[in-house]
């Protein structure tokens, strides 16, 4: 399969540069994008961590229930062909998931993927919670993720704090968490999705290879 290059109006270079937005994709686009993953239901915390200081750069949630979505509060990632409603992105196939992680991994950042298996019912509650959050203000990624989690059974004690690292420490203390680390150029992040900036350069290309 050939790489696909999507032209976007602009793609900010900073990880959490965007403030609140009012993006609201129509129902037909959300329905058409729906992706049901064969993986077991889960709530996954994605934390972008700086190199070498280990500071927290961004927080997002990947939720796999009756469909798979990414809640990316105050994030800068985008995809022109996917529907978004107030920081919730729909149509998260494996390729798009890899693109999202690949976008955030670079020479000065790595991504921690902490996955907690849950029931389908709990995962769907989590999806409804992030859908109800509304758009996040700039730098509120950890706070809004925590607030969403507090309404999900089993996650009620999530700390509301500015620090993505504090939220991650709490998440890691939950029984059954499975962790993976993603670094720049990781061959596991193979995907064919790239988005072209106005200047002709591409984002999402690190580690990207043609899909077989």
N, C-alpha and C. Protein backbone atom coordinates (compact mmCIF):
# COMPACT_ATOMS: atom_id res chain seq x y z
N UNK A 1 0.84 -1.18 0.00
CA UNK A 1 0.00 0.00 0.00
C UNK A 1 0.88 1.24 0.00
N UNK A 2 0.53 2.22 -0.81
CA UNK A 2 1.31 3.44 -0.88
C UNK A 2 1.01 4.34 0.31
N UNK A 3 1.98 5.15 0.68
CA UNK A 3 1.74 6.14 1.72
C UNK A 3 0.71 7.14 1.22
N UNK A 4 -0.13 7.61 2.14
CA UNK A 4 -1.13 8.60 1.78
C UNK A 4 -0.73 9.93 2.40
N UNK A 5 -0.72 10.99 1.61
CA UNK A 5 -0.37 12.32 2.11
C UNK A 5 -1.62 13.17 2.14
N UNK A 6 -2.02 13.60 3.34
CA UNK A 6 -3.20 14.43 3.48
C UNK A 6 -2.76 15.88 3.68
N UNK A 7 -3.38 16.80 2.96
CA UNK A 7 -3.05 18.21 3.07
C UNK A 7 -3.90 18.84 4.15
N UNK A 8 -3.24 19.39 5.16
CA UNK A 8 -3.95 20.06 6.25
C UNK A 8 -3.71 21.56 6.15
N UNK A 9 -4.62 22.34 6.71
CA UNK A 9 -4.45 23.79 6.70
C UNK A 9 -3.20 24.17 7.44
N UNK A 10 -2.98 23.58 8.60
CA UNK A 10 -1.75 23.78 9.35
C UNK A 10 -1.69 22.74 10.44
N UNK A 11 -0.48 22.38 10.84
CA UNK A 11 -0.28 21.44 11.93
C UNK A 11 0.69 22.07 12.90
N UNK A 12 0.27 22.49 14.09
CA UNK A 12 1.16 23.13 15.04
C UNK A 12 2.29 22.21 15.44
N UNK A 13 3.45 22.80 15.69
CA UNK A 13 4.62 22.01 16.05
C UNK A 13 4.64 21.67 17.53
N UNK A 14 3.98 22.46 18.37
CA UNK A 14 4.02 22.19 19.80
C UNK A 14 2.99 21.13 20.16
N UNK A 15 3.33 20.32 21.17
CA UNK A 15 2.47 19.20 21.53
C UNK A 15 1.13 19.63 22.07
N UNK A 16 1.09 20.63 22.90
CA UNK A 16 -0.17 21.02 23.53
C UNK A 16 -0.47 22.49 23.27
N UNK A 17 -0.34 22.90 22.04
CA UNK A 17 -0.43 24.32 21.74
C UNK A 17 -1.85 24.80 21.55
N UNK A 18 -2.79 23.90 21.34
CA UNK A 18 -4.14 24.32 21.00
C UNK A 18 -4.97 24.56 22.24
N UNK A 19 -5.81 25.59 22.19
CA UNK A 19 -6.75 25.83 23.26
C UNK A 19 -8.08 25.18 22.95
N UNK A 20 -9.13 25.66 23.65
CA UNK A 20 -10.45 25.09 23.45
C UNK A 20 -10.94 25.35 22.02
N UNK A 21 -11.62 24.37 21.47
CA UNK A 21 -12.21 24.55 20.15
C UNK A 21 -13.64 24.06 20.20
N UNK A 22 -14.37 24.35 19.16
CA UNK A 22 -15.78 23.94 19.09
C UNK A 22 -16.02 23.03 17.90
N UNK A 23 -15.04 22.22 17.54
CA UNK A 23 -15.21 21.29 16.44
C UNK A 23 -16.33 20.30 16.77
N UNK A 24 -17.25 20.14 15.85
CA UNK A 24 -18.38 19.25 16.09
C UNK A 24 -18.76 18.59 14.77
N UNK A 25 -18.21 17.40 14.53
CA UNK A 25 -18.48 16.68 13.29
C UNK A 25 -19.94 16.24 13.24
N UNK A 26 -20.54 16.24 12.06
CA UNK A 26 -21.95 15.82 11.95
C UNK A 26 -22.13 14.33 12.23
N UNK A 27 -23.35 13.96 12.55
CA UNK A 27 -23.65 12.58 12.95
C UNK A 27 -23.24 11.57 11.88
N UNK A 28 -23.47 11.90 10.62
CA UNK A 28 -23.19 10.92 9.57
C UNK A 28 -21.71 10.61 9.48
N UNK A 29 -20.85 11.61 9.70
CA UNK A 29 -19.40 11.37 9.67
C UNK A 29 -18.95 10.53 10.86
N UNK A 30 -19.52 10.81 12.02
CA UNK A 30 -19.16 10.03 13.21
C UNK A 30 -19.59 8.57 13.04
N UNK A 31 -20.78 8.37 12.53
CA UNK A 31 -21.25 6.99 12.31
C UNK A 31 -20.39 6.27 11.29
N UNK A 32 -20.04 6.95 10.21
CA UNK A 32 -19.26 6.32 9.15
C UNK A 32 -17.85 5.97 9.62
N UNK A 33 -17.30 6.75 10.53
CA UNK A 33 -15.92 6.53 10.98
C UNK A 33 -15.82 5.46 12.06
N UNK A 34 -16.91 5.07 12.65
CA UNK A 34 -16.90 4.14 13.79
C UNK A 34 -16.01 2.92 13.51
N UNK A 35 -15.10 2.65 14.44
CA UNK A 35 -14.21 1.50 14.31
C UNK A 35 -14.32 0.65 15.57
N UNK A 36 -14.60 -0.63 15.39
CA UNK A 36 -14.69 -1.58 16.49
C UNK A 36 -13.44 -2.45 16.49
N UNK A 37 -12.64 -2.32 17.51
CA UNK A 37 -11.39 -3.06 17.60
C UNK A 37 -11.66 -4.48 18.11
N UNK A 38 -10.93 -5.47 17.59
CA UNK A 38 -11.07 -6.85 18.10
C UNK A 38 -10.38 -7.04 19.45
N UNK A 39 -9.62 -6.05 19.91
CA UNK A 39 -8.93 -6.18 21.19
C UNK A 39 -9.92 -6.10 22.35
N UNK A 40 -9.57 -6.65 23.51
CA UNK A 40 -10.46 -6.57 24.68
C UNK A 40 -10.70 -5.13 25.09
N UNK A 41 -11.83 -4.84 25.73
CA UNK A 41 -12.11 -3.47 26.16
C UNK A 41 -11.08 -2.98 27.16
N UNK A 42 -10.77 -1.69 27.08
CA UNK A 42 -9.73 -1.14 27.94
C UNK A 42 -9.82 0.37 27.97
N UNK A 43 -9.20 0.95 29.01
CA UNK A 43 -8.96 2.38 29.10
C UNK A 43 -7.45 2.55 29.17
N UNK A 44 -6.90 3.32 28.25
CA UNK A 44 -5.45 3.49 28.15
C UNK A 44 -5.07 4.94 28.35
N UNK A 45 -4.11 5.15 29.23
CA UNK A 45 -3.56 6.49 29.44
C UNK A 45 -2.31 6.64 28.58
N UNK A 46 -2.29 7.68 27.76
CA UNK A 46 -1.13 7.99 26.94
C UNK A 46 -0.46 9.24 27.51
N UNK A 47 0.81 9.12 27.87
CA UNK A 47 1.53 10.23 28.47
C UNK A 47 2.77 10.53 27.64
N UNK A 48 2.89 11.78 27.20
CA UNK A 48 4.07 12.22 26.45
C UNK A 48 5.08 12.76 27.46
N UNK A 49 6.30 12.20 27.44
CA UNK A 49 7.30 12.50 28.47
C UNK A 49 8.57 13.03 27.81
N UNK A 50 9.08 14.12 28.38
CA UNK A 50 10.25 14.78 27.81
C UNK A 50 11.54 14.02 28.04
N UNK A 51 12.47 14.24 27.10
CA UNK A 51 13.82 13.68 27.17
C UNK A 51 14.79 14.87 27.18
N UNK A 52 15.75 14.94 28.10
CA UNK A 52 16.11 13.93 29.11
C UNK A 52 15.53 14.20 30.48
N UNK A 53 14.78 15.32 30.66
CA UNK A 53 14.38 15.71 32.01
C UNK A 53 13.24 14.88 32.58
N UNK A 54 12.48 14.20 31.72
CA UNK A 54 11.38 13.38 32.21
C UNK A 54 10.15 14.18 32.59
N UNK A 55 9.98 15.38 32.04
CA UNK A 55 8.82 16.20 32.34
C UNK A 55 7.62 15.74 31.53
N UNK A 56 6.43 15.98 32.06
CA UNK A 56 5.22 15.57 31.37
C UNK A 56 4.81 16.58 30.32
N UNK A 57 4.66 16.13 29.07
CA UNK A 57 4.34 17.03 27.98
C UNK A 57 2.87 17.05 27.58
N UNK A 58 2.18 15.92 27.74
CA UNK A 58 0.79 15.85 27.29
C UNK A 58 0.15 14.58 27.84
N UNK A 59 -1.18 14.62 27.98
CA UNK A 59 -1.98 13.49 28.43
C UNK A 59 -3.13 13.27 27.47
N UNK A 60 -3.43 12.02 27.15
CA UNK A 60 -4.59 11.69 26.34
C UNK A 60 -5.11 10.32 26.79
N UNK A 61 -6.33 10.00 26.38
CA UNK A 61 -6.94 8.71 26.70
C UNK A 61 -7.32 7.99 25.42
N UNK A 62 -6.97 6.73 25.34
CA UNK A 62 -7.39 5.84 24.25
C UNK A 62 -8.38 4.85 24.87
N UNK A 63 -9.61 4.87 24.40
CA UNK A 63 -10.66 4.05 25.02
C UNK A 63 -11.21 3.07 23.99
N UNK A 64 -11.20 1.79 24.36
CA UNK A 64 -11.68 0.74 23.47
C UNK A 64 -12.90 0.07 24.10
N UNK A 65 -14.08 0.39 23.56
CA UNK A 65 -15.32 -0.21 24.04
C UNK A 65 -16.15 -0.66 22.86
N UNK A 66 -17.37 -0.14 22.75
CA UNK A 66 -18.20 -0.46 21.60
C UNK A 66 -17.63 0.15 20.33
N UNK A 67 -16.72 1.09 20.49
CA UNK A 67 -15.88 1.60 19.42
C UNK A 67 -14.59 2.10 20.06
N UNK A 68 -13.60 2.45 19.25
CA UNK A 68 -12.35 2.94 19.80
C UNK A 68 -12.19 4.42 19.46
N UNK A 69 -11.93 5.21 20.49
CA UNK A 69 -11.78 6.66 20.32
C UNK A 69 -10.52 7.12 21.02
N UNK A 70 -10.07 8.31 20.66
CA UNK A 70 -9.00 9.00 21.38
C UNK A 70 -9.57 10.30 21.93
N UNK A 71 -9.39 10.51 23.22
CA UNK A 71 -9.71 11.79 23.85
C UNK A 71 -8.40 12.55 23.99
N UNK A 72 -8.28 13.64 23.24
CA UNK A 72 -7.02 14.38 23.14
C UNK A 72 -7.23 15.83 23.60
N UNK A 73 -7.48 16.04 24.89
CA UNK A 73 -7.81 17.39 25.35
C UNK A 73 -6.66 18.37 25.17
N UNK A 74 -6.96 19.50 24.56
CA UNK A 74 -5.97 20.56 24.32
C UNK A 74 -4.78 20.07 23.51
N UNK A 75 -4.98 19.06 22.69
CA UNK A 75 -3.89 18.51 21.90
C UNK A 75 -3.73 19.20 20.56
N UNK A 76 -2.59 18.97 19.92
CA UNK A 76 -2.31 19.59 18.62
C UNK A 76 -2.42 18.58 17.47
N UNK A 77 -2.56 17.30 17.79
CA UNK A 77 -2.69 16.28 16.74
C UNK A 77 -4.00 16.48 16.00
N UNK A 78 -3.97 16.19 14.71
CA UNK A 78 -5.20 16.25 13.94
C UNK A 78 -5.11 15.33 12.74
N UNK A 79 -6.26 15.06 12.14
CA UNK A 79 -6.33 14.27 10.92
C UNK A 79 -7.50 14.80 10.12
N UNK A 80 -7.25 15.33 8.93
CA UNK A 80 -8.32 16.01 8.18
C UNK A 80 -9.45 15.10 7.73
N UNK A 81 -9.22 13.78 7.72
CA UNK A 81 -10.25 12.87 7.25
C UNK A 81 -11.00 12.16 8.37
N UNK A 82 -10.70 12.50 9.62
CA UNK A 82 -11.39 11.89 10.75
C UNK A 82 -12.30 12.90 11.42
N UNK A 83 -13.45 12.45 11.93
CA UNK A 83 -14.34 13.38 12.64
C UNK A 83 -13.89 13.61 14.08
N UNK A 84 -14.06 14.84 14.54
CA UNK A 84 -13.73 15.22 15.91
C UNK A 84 -14.90 15.95 16.52
N UNK A 85 -15.17 15.64 17.77
CA UNK A 85 -16.15 16.39 18.54
C UNK A 85 -15.52 16.79 19.87
N UNK A 86 -15.20 18.07 20.01
CA UNK A 86 -14.67 18.59 21.28
C UNK A 86 -13.56 17.71 21.86
N UNK A 87 -12.53 17.49 21.10
CA UNK A 87 -11.32 16.76 21.53
C UNK A 87 -11.48 15.24 21.51
N UNK A 88 -12.62 14.72 21.10
CA UNK A 88 -12.79 13.28 20.94
C UNK A 88 -12.70 12.95 19.46
N UNK A 89 -11.76 12.06 19.13
CA UNK A 89 -11.55 11.64 17.75
C UNK A 89 -12.10 10.23 17.54
N UNK A 90 -12.81 10.04 16.41
CA UNK A 90 -13.44 8.76 16.10
C UNK A 90 -12.73 8.10 14.92
N UNK A 91 -12.93 6.79 14.80
CA UNK A 91 -12.31 6.05 13.69
C UNK A 91 -10.88 5.67 13.97
N UNK A 92 -10.57 5.28 15.22
CA UNK A 92 -9.18 5.02 15.60
C UNK A 92 -8.82 3.56 15.30
N UNK A 93 -8.46 3.33 14.06
CA UNK A 93 -7.94 2.03 13.64
C UNK A 93 -6.53 1.84 14.21
N UNK A 94 -5.98 0.66 14.03
CA UNK A 94 -4.61 0.42 14.50
C UNK A 94 -3.64 1.37 13.81
N UNK A 95 -3.85 1.63 12.54
CA UNK A 95 -2.96 2.50 11.79
C UNK A 95 -3.03 3.94 12.32
N UNK A 96 -4.24 4.40 12.60
CA UNK A 96 -4.40 5.74 13.13
C UNK A 96 -3.83 5.83 14.55
N UNK A 97 -4.03 4.80 15.34
CA UNK A 97 -3.43 4.79 16.68
C UNK A 97 -1.91 4.92 16.57
N UNK A 98 -1.30 4.16 15.69
CA UNK A 98 0.14 4.24 15.51
C UNK A 98 0.56 5.64 15.03
N UNK A 99 -0.22 6.22 14.16
CA UNK A 99 0.07 7.57 13.67
C UNK A 99 0.02 8.57 14.82
N UNK A 100 -0.99 8.43 15.68
CA UNK A 100 -1.11 9.34 16.81
C UNK A 100 0.11 9.24 17.73
N UNK A 101 0.51 8.03 18.06
CA UNK A 101 1.67 7.85 18.94
C UNK A 101 2.94 8.32 18.24
N UNK A 102 3.07 7.99 16.97
CA UNK A 102 4.25 8.38 16.20
C UNK A 102 4.39 9.89 16.12
N UNK A 103 3.27 10.58 16.00
CA UNK A 103 3.28 12.05 15.96
C UNK A 103 3.94 12.63 17.21
N UNK A 104 3.72 12.01 18.35
CA UNK A 104 4.22 12.54 19.62
C UNK A 104 5.60 12.04 19.99
N UNK A 105 6.08 10.98 19.35
CA UNK A 105 7.43 10.50 19.64
C UNK A 105 8.40 11.23 18.73
N UNK A 106 9.43 11.78 19.33
CA UNK A 106 10.45 12.51 18.58
C UNK A 106 11.73 12.49 19.40
N UNK A 107 12.74 13.20 18.95
CA UNK A 107 14.03 13.11 19.62
C UNK A 107 13.97 13.57 21.08
N UNK A 108 13.03 14.46 21.39
CA UNK A 108 12.97 14.99 22.76
C UNK A 108 11.71 14.58 23.52
N UNK A 109 10.95 13.62 23.00
CA UNK A 109 9.77 13.10 23.69
C UNK A 109 9.59 11.62 23.41
N UNK A 110 9.12 10.88 24.41
CA UNK A 110 8.68 9.51 24.20
C UNK A 110 7.28 9.36 24.77
N UNK A 111 6.60 8.28 24.42
CA UNK A 111 5.21 8.10 24.82
C UNK A 111 5.07 6.84 25.67
N UNK A 112 4.42 6.99 26.83
CA UNK A 112 4.09 5.85 27.68
C UNK A 112 2.64 5.46 27.40
N UNK A 113 2.42 4.18 27.11
CA UNK A 113 1.08 3.65 26.88
C UNK A 113 0.75 2.71 28.04
N UNK A 114 -0.14 3.15 28.92
CA UNK A 114 -0.52 2.37 30.10
C UNK A 114 -1.98 1.93 29.93
N UNK A 115 -2.15 0.64 29.72
CA UNK A 115 -3.48 0.11 29.39
C UNK A 115 -4.05 -0.67 30.57
N UNK A 116 -5.30 -0.38 30.90
CA UNK A 116 -5.99 -1.07 31.99
C UNK A 116 -7.21 -1.78 31.42
N UNK A 117 -7.22 -3.12 31.44
CA UNK A 117 -8.40 -3.85 30.96
C UNK A 117 -9.62 -3.55 31.83
N UNK A 118 -10.75 -3.36 31.19
CA UNK A 118 -12.01 -3.10 31.90
C UNK A 118 -13.12 -3.88 31.20
N UNK A 119 -14.33 -3.84 31.76
CA UNK A 119 -15.46 -4.45 31.08
C UNK A 119 -15.92 -3.54 29.94
N UNK A 120 -16.67 -4.12 29.03
CA UNK A 120 -17.23 -3.33 27.92
C UNK A 120 -18.11 -2.21 28.46
N UNK A 121 -18.88 -2.49 29.51
CA UNK A 121 -19.75 -1.48 30.09
C UNK A 121 -18.94 -0.30 30.63
N UNK A 122 -17.85 -0.59 31.34
CA UNK A 122 -17.02 0.47 31.89
C UNK A 122 -16.37 1.29 30.77
N UNK A 123 -15.89 0.62 29.73
CA UNK A 123 -15.28 1.33 28.61
C UNK A 123 -16.28 2.26 27.95
N UNK A 124 -17.51 1.82 27.79
CA UNK A 124 -18.51 2.67 27.16
C UNK A 124 -18.90 3.85 28.05
N UNK A 125 -18.88 3.64 29.36
CA UNK A 125 -19.10 4.76 30.27
C UNK A 125 -17.97 5.79 30.09
N UNK A 126 -16.74 5.30 29.96
CA UNK A 126 -15.60 6.20 29.75
C UNK A 126 -15.76 6.99 28.45
N UNK A 127 -16.24 6.34 27.40
CA UNK A 127 -16.46 7.06 26.14
C UNK A 127 -17.50 8.15 26.33
N UNK A 128 -18.59 7.83 27.01
CA UNK A 128 -19.64 8.84 27.24
C UNK A 128 -19.11 9.99 28.10
N UNK A 129 -18.24 9.67 29.05
CA UNK A 129 -17.67 10.71 29.91
C UNK A 129 -16.81 11.69 29.11
N UNK A 130 -15.93 11.18 28.25
CA UNK A 130 -15.08 12.11 27.48
C UNK A 130 -15.91 12.88 26.47
N UNK A 131 -16.96 12.26 25.95
CA UNK A 131 -17.83 12.98 25.01
C UNK A 131 -18.56 14.13 25.70
N UNK A 132 -18.79 14.00 27.00
CA UNK A 132 -19.52 15.02 27.75
C UNK A 132 -18.61 16.12 28.30
N UNK A 133 -17.29 15.98 28.14
CA UNK A 133 -16.37 16.93 28.75
C UNK A 133 -16.40 18.32 28.13
N UNK A 134 -16.65 18.38 26.84
CA UNK A 134 -16.53 19.66 26.17
C UNK A 134 -15.08 19.95 25.82
N UNK A 135 -14.82 21.00 25.04
CA UNK A 135 -13.46 21.29 24.61
C UNK A 135 -12.60 21.77 25.77
N UNK A 136 -11.35 21.32 25.80
CA UNK A 136 -10.43 21.68 26.88
C UNK A 136 -9.65 22.94 26.54
N UNK A 137 -9.37 23.72 27.54
CA UNK A 137 -8.52 24.89 27.37
C UNK A 137 -7.05 24.47 27.29
N UNK A 138 -6.23 25.34 26.76
CA UNK A 138 -4.81 25.08 26.63
C UNK A 138 -4.20 24.65 27.96
N UNK A 139 -3.38 23.60 27.92
CA UNK A 139 -2.63 23.08 29.07
C UNK A 139 -3.50 22.34 30.08
N UNK A 140 -4.78 22.11 29.77
CA UNK A 140 -5.67 21.42 30.71
C UNK A 140 -5.79 19.93 30.40
N UNK A 141 -4.85 19.36 29.67
CA UNK A 141 -4.99 17.98 29.22
C UNK A 141 -5.10 17.00 30.40
N UNK A 142 -4.22 17.11 31.40
CA UNK A 142 -4.25 16.18 32.54
C UNK A 142 -5.48 16.43 33.40
N UNK A 143 -5.82 17.70 33.61
CA UNK A 143 -6.98 18.02 34.43
C UNK A 143 -8.26 17.47 33.82
N UNK A 144 -8.47 17.71 32.53
CA UNK A 144 -9.70 17.25 31.89
C UNK A 144 -9.75 15.73 31.78
N UNK A 145 -8.59 15.10 31.56
CA UNK A 145 -8.56 13.63 31.53
C UNK A 145 -8.94 13.06 32.89
N UNK A 146 -8.42 13.67 33.95
CA UNK A 146 -8.74 13.22 35.30
C UNK A 146 -10.22 13.40 35.62
N UNK A 147 -10.75 14.55 35.26
CA UNK A 147 -12.16 14.81 35.52
C UNK A 147 -13.06 13.81 34.80
N UNK A 148 -12.70 13.47 33.58
CA UNK A 148 -13.47 12.48 32.86
C UNK A 148 -13.40 11.12 33.54
N UNK A 149 -12.19 10.73 33.96
CA UNK A 149 -12.01 9.42 34.60
C UNK A 149 -12.75 9.31 35.92
N UNK A 150 -12.88 10.41 36.65
CA UNK A 150 -13.52 10.35 37.96
C UNK A 150 -14.97 9.89 37.88
N UNK A 151 -15.60 10.01 36.75
CA UNK A 151 -16.97 9.55 36.59
C UNK A 151 -17.09 8.14 36.07
N UNK A 152 -15.97 7.43 35.99
CA UNK A 152 -15.94 6.06 35.46
C UNK A 152 -15.74 5.08 36.62
N UNK A 153 -16.54 4.04 36.73
CA UNK A 153 -16.37 3.07 37.83
C UNK A 153 -14.95 2.50 37.86
N UNK A 154 -14.34 2.55 39.04
CA UNK A 154 -12.98 2.07 39.22
C UNK A 154 -11.93 3.15 39.09
N UNK A 155 -12.32 4.32 38.59
CA UNK A 155 -11.37 5.42 38.37
C UNK A 155 -11.72 6.65 39.20
N UNK A 156 -12.60 6.49 40.16
CA UNK A 156 -13.13 7.64 40.90
C UNK A 156 -12.06 8.43 41.65
N UNK A 157 -10.96 7.79 42.02
CA UNK A 157 -9.93 8.48 42.82
C UNK A 157 -8.83 9.11 41.97
N UNK A 158 -9.04 9.20 40.68
CA UNK A 158 -8.04 9.85 39.82
C UNK A 158 -7.79 11.27 40.29
N UNK A 159 -6.52 11.66 40.48
CA UNK A 159 -6.23 13.00 40.99
C UNK A 159 -6.40 14.06 39.91
N UNK A 160 -7.03 15.16 40.29
CA UNK A 160 -7.15 16.29 39.36
C UNK A 160 -5.96 17.20 39.58
N UNK A 161 -5.04 17.19 38.63
CA UNK A 161 -3.80 17.95 38.78
C UNK A 161 -3.32 18.38 37.40
N UNK A 162 -2.47 19.43 37.37
CA UNK A 162 -1.92 19.91 36.12
C UNK A 162 -0.93 18.93 35.52
N UNK A 163 -0.28 18.15 36.35
CA UNK A 163 0.85 17.34 35.91
C UNK A 163 0.42 16.02 35.27
N UNK A 164 0.78 15.80 33.99
CA UNK A 164 0.55 14.49 33.39
C UNK A 164 1.26 13.36 34.15
N UNK A 165 2.39 13.68 34.76
CA UNK A 165 3.14 12.65 35.48
C UNK A 165 2.43 12.22 36.75
N UNK A 166 1.77 13.15 37.44
CA UNK A 166 1.03 12.77 38.64
C UNK A 166 -0.12 11.84 38.29
N UNK A 167 -0.83 12.17 37.22
CA UNK A 167 -1.92 11.29 36.79
C UNK A 167 -1.38 9.93 36.40
N UNK A 168 -0.23 9.91 35.73
CA UNK A 168 0.33 8.62 35.34
C UNK A 168 0.75 7.81 36.56
N UNK A 169 1.35 8.42 37.57
CA UNK A 169 1.73 7.68 38.78
C UNK A 169 0.51 7.02 39.42
N UNK A 170 -0.59 7.75 39.47
CA UNK A 170 -1.82 7.17 40.02
C UNK A 170 -2.30 6.01 39.15
N UNK A 171 -2.28 6.20 37.85
CA UNK A 171 -2.77 5.17 36.93
C UNK A 171 -1.94 3.90 37.06
N UNK A 172 -0.63 4.05 37.18
CA UNK A 172 0.25 2.89 37.28
C UNK A 172 0.03 2.10 38.57
N UNK A 173 -0.54 2.74 39.57
CA UNK A 173 -0.79 2.06 40.85
C UNK A 173 -2.04 1.19 40.81
N UNK A 174 -2.81 1.28 39.72
CA UNK A 174 -4.03 0.47 39.63
C UNK A 174 -3.68 -0.96 39.24
N UNK A 175 -4.32 -1.95 39.87
CA UNK A 175 -3.99 -3.35 39.57
C UNK A 175 -4.30 -3.71 38.11
N UNK A 176 -3.38 -4.44 37.51
CA UNK A 176 -3.60 -4.97 36.16
C UNK A 176 -3.14 -4.09 35.03
N UNK A 177 -2.47 -2.98 35.33
CA UNK A 177 -2.01 -2.08 34.26
C UNK A 177 -0.91 -2.74 33.44
N UNK A 178 -1.01 -2.61 32.13
CA UNK A 178 0.00 -3.13 31.21
C UNK A 178 0.65 -1.94 30.50
N UNK A 179 1.97 -1.89 30.51
CA UNK A 179 2.69 -0.71 30.03
C UNK A 179 3.57 -1.03 28.83
N UNK A 180 3.56 -0.10 27.87
CA UNK A 180 4.50 -0.13 26.75
C UNK A 180 5.11 1.25 26.57
N UNK A 181 6.35 1.27 26.11
CA UNK A 181 7.03 2.53 25.83
C UNK A 181 7.27 2.65 24.33
N UNK A 182 7.10 3.86 23.83
CA UNK A 182 7.29 4.14 22.41
C UNK A 182 8.33 5.24 22.24
N UNK A 183 9.33 4.96 21.42
CA UNK A 183 10.42 5.91 21.17
C UNK A 183 10.45 6.31 19.70
N UNK A 184 11.14 7.38 19.42
CA UNK A 184 11.23 7.90 18.06
C UNK A 184 11.82 6.84 17.13
N UNK A 185 11.15 6.62 16.00
CA UNK A 185 11.64 5.67 15.02
C UNK A 185 11.36 4.22 15.35
N UNK A 186 10.52 3.94 16.34
CA UNK A 186 10.21 2.57 16.74
C UNK A 186 9.59 1.83 15.55
N UNK A 187 10.16 0.71 15.13
CA UNK A 187 9.63 -0.02 13.97
C UNK A 187 8.24 -0.59 14.20
N UNK A 188 7.79 -0.67 15.46
CA UNK A 188 6.44 -1.16 15.73
C UNK A 188 5.38 -0.14 15.32
N UNK A 189 5.80 1.09 15.09
CA UNK A 189 4.86 2.15 14.75
C UNK A 189 4.71 2.30 13.24
N UNK A 190 4.80 1.22 12.52
CA UNK A 190 4.64 1.27 11.06
C UNK A 190 3.22 1.72 10.71
N UNK A 191 3.12 2.69 9.84
CA UNK A 191 1.84 3.16 9.34
C UNK A 191 2.07 3.87 8.01
N UNK A 192 0.99 4.13 7.30
CA UNK A 192 1.13 4.77 5.99
C UNK A 192 0.49 6.15 5.96
N UNK A 193 0.24 6.72 7.13
CA UNK A 193 -0.46 8.00 7.20
C UNK A 193 0.52 9.13 7.42
N UNK A 194 0.43 10.13 6.57
CA UNK A 194 1.22 11.35 6.74
C UNK A 194 0.34 12.54 6.43
N UNK A 195 0.59 13.65 7.11
CA UNK A 195 -0.14 14.88 6.84
C UNK A 195 0.86 15.94 6.42
N UNK A 196 0.56 16.61 5.32
CA UNK A 196 1.48 17.60 4.77
C UNK A 196 1.16 18.99 5.32
N UNK A 197 2.21 19.66 5.80
CA UNK A 197 2.06 21.05 6.24
C UNK A 197 2.09 21.98 5.04
N UNK A 198 1.76 23.25 5.29
CA UNK A 198 1.77 24.24 4.21
C UNK A 198 3.15 24.42 3.60
N UNK A 199 4.21 24.24 4.44
CA UNK A 199 5.56 24.45 3.93
C UNK A 199 6.08 23.26 3.13
N UNK A 200 5.25 22.24 2.98
CA UNK A 200 5.65 21.07 2.21
C UNK A 200 6.24 19.95 3.03
N UNK A 201 6.57 20.19 4.30
CA UNK A 201 7.09 19.14 5.15
C UNK A 201 5.95 18.27 5.65
N UNK A 202 6.31 17.13 6.23
CA UNK A 202 5.31 16.18 6.68
C UNK A 202 5.41 15.94 8.17
N UNK A 203 4.28 15.67 8.79
CA UNK A 203 4.25 15.19 10.17
C UNK A 203 3.73 13.76 10.16
N UNK A 204 4.15 12.99 11.16
CA UNK A 204 3.73 11.61 11.22
C UNK A 204 4.61 10.68 10.43
N UNK A 205 5.74 11.16 9.92
CA UNK A 205 6.55 10.31 9.06
C UNK A 205 7.63 9.55 9.82
N UNK A 206 7.95 9.95 11.05
CA UNK A 206 8.98 9.24 11.79
C UNK A 206 8.55 7.82 12.05
N UNK A 207 9.32 6.87 11.56
CA UNK A 207 8.97 5.47 11.75
C UNK A 207 7.94 4.97 10.76
N UNK A 208 7.38 5.86 9.95
CA UNK A 208 6.35 5.45 9.01
C UNK A 208 6.97 4.74 7.83
N UNK A 209 6.37 3.65 7.47
CA UNK A 209 6.81 2.87 6.32
C UNK A 209 5.58 2.44 5.55
N UNK A 210 5.72 2.08 4.27
CA UNK A 210 4.56 1.60 3.54
C UNK A 210 3.97 0.37 4.21
N UNK A 211 2.65 0.35 4.38
CA UNK A 211 2.00 -0.83 4.97
C UNK A 211 1.98 -1.95 3.97
N UNK A 212 2.21 -3.16 4.44
CA UNK A 212 2.27 -4.31 3.53
C UNK A 212 0.87 -4.88 3.32
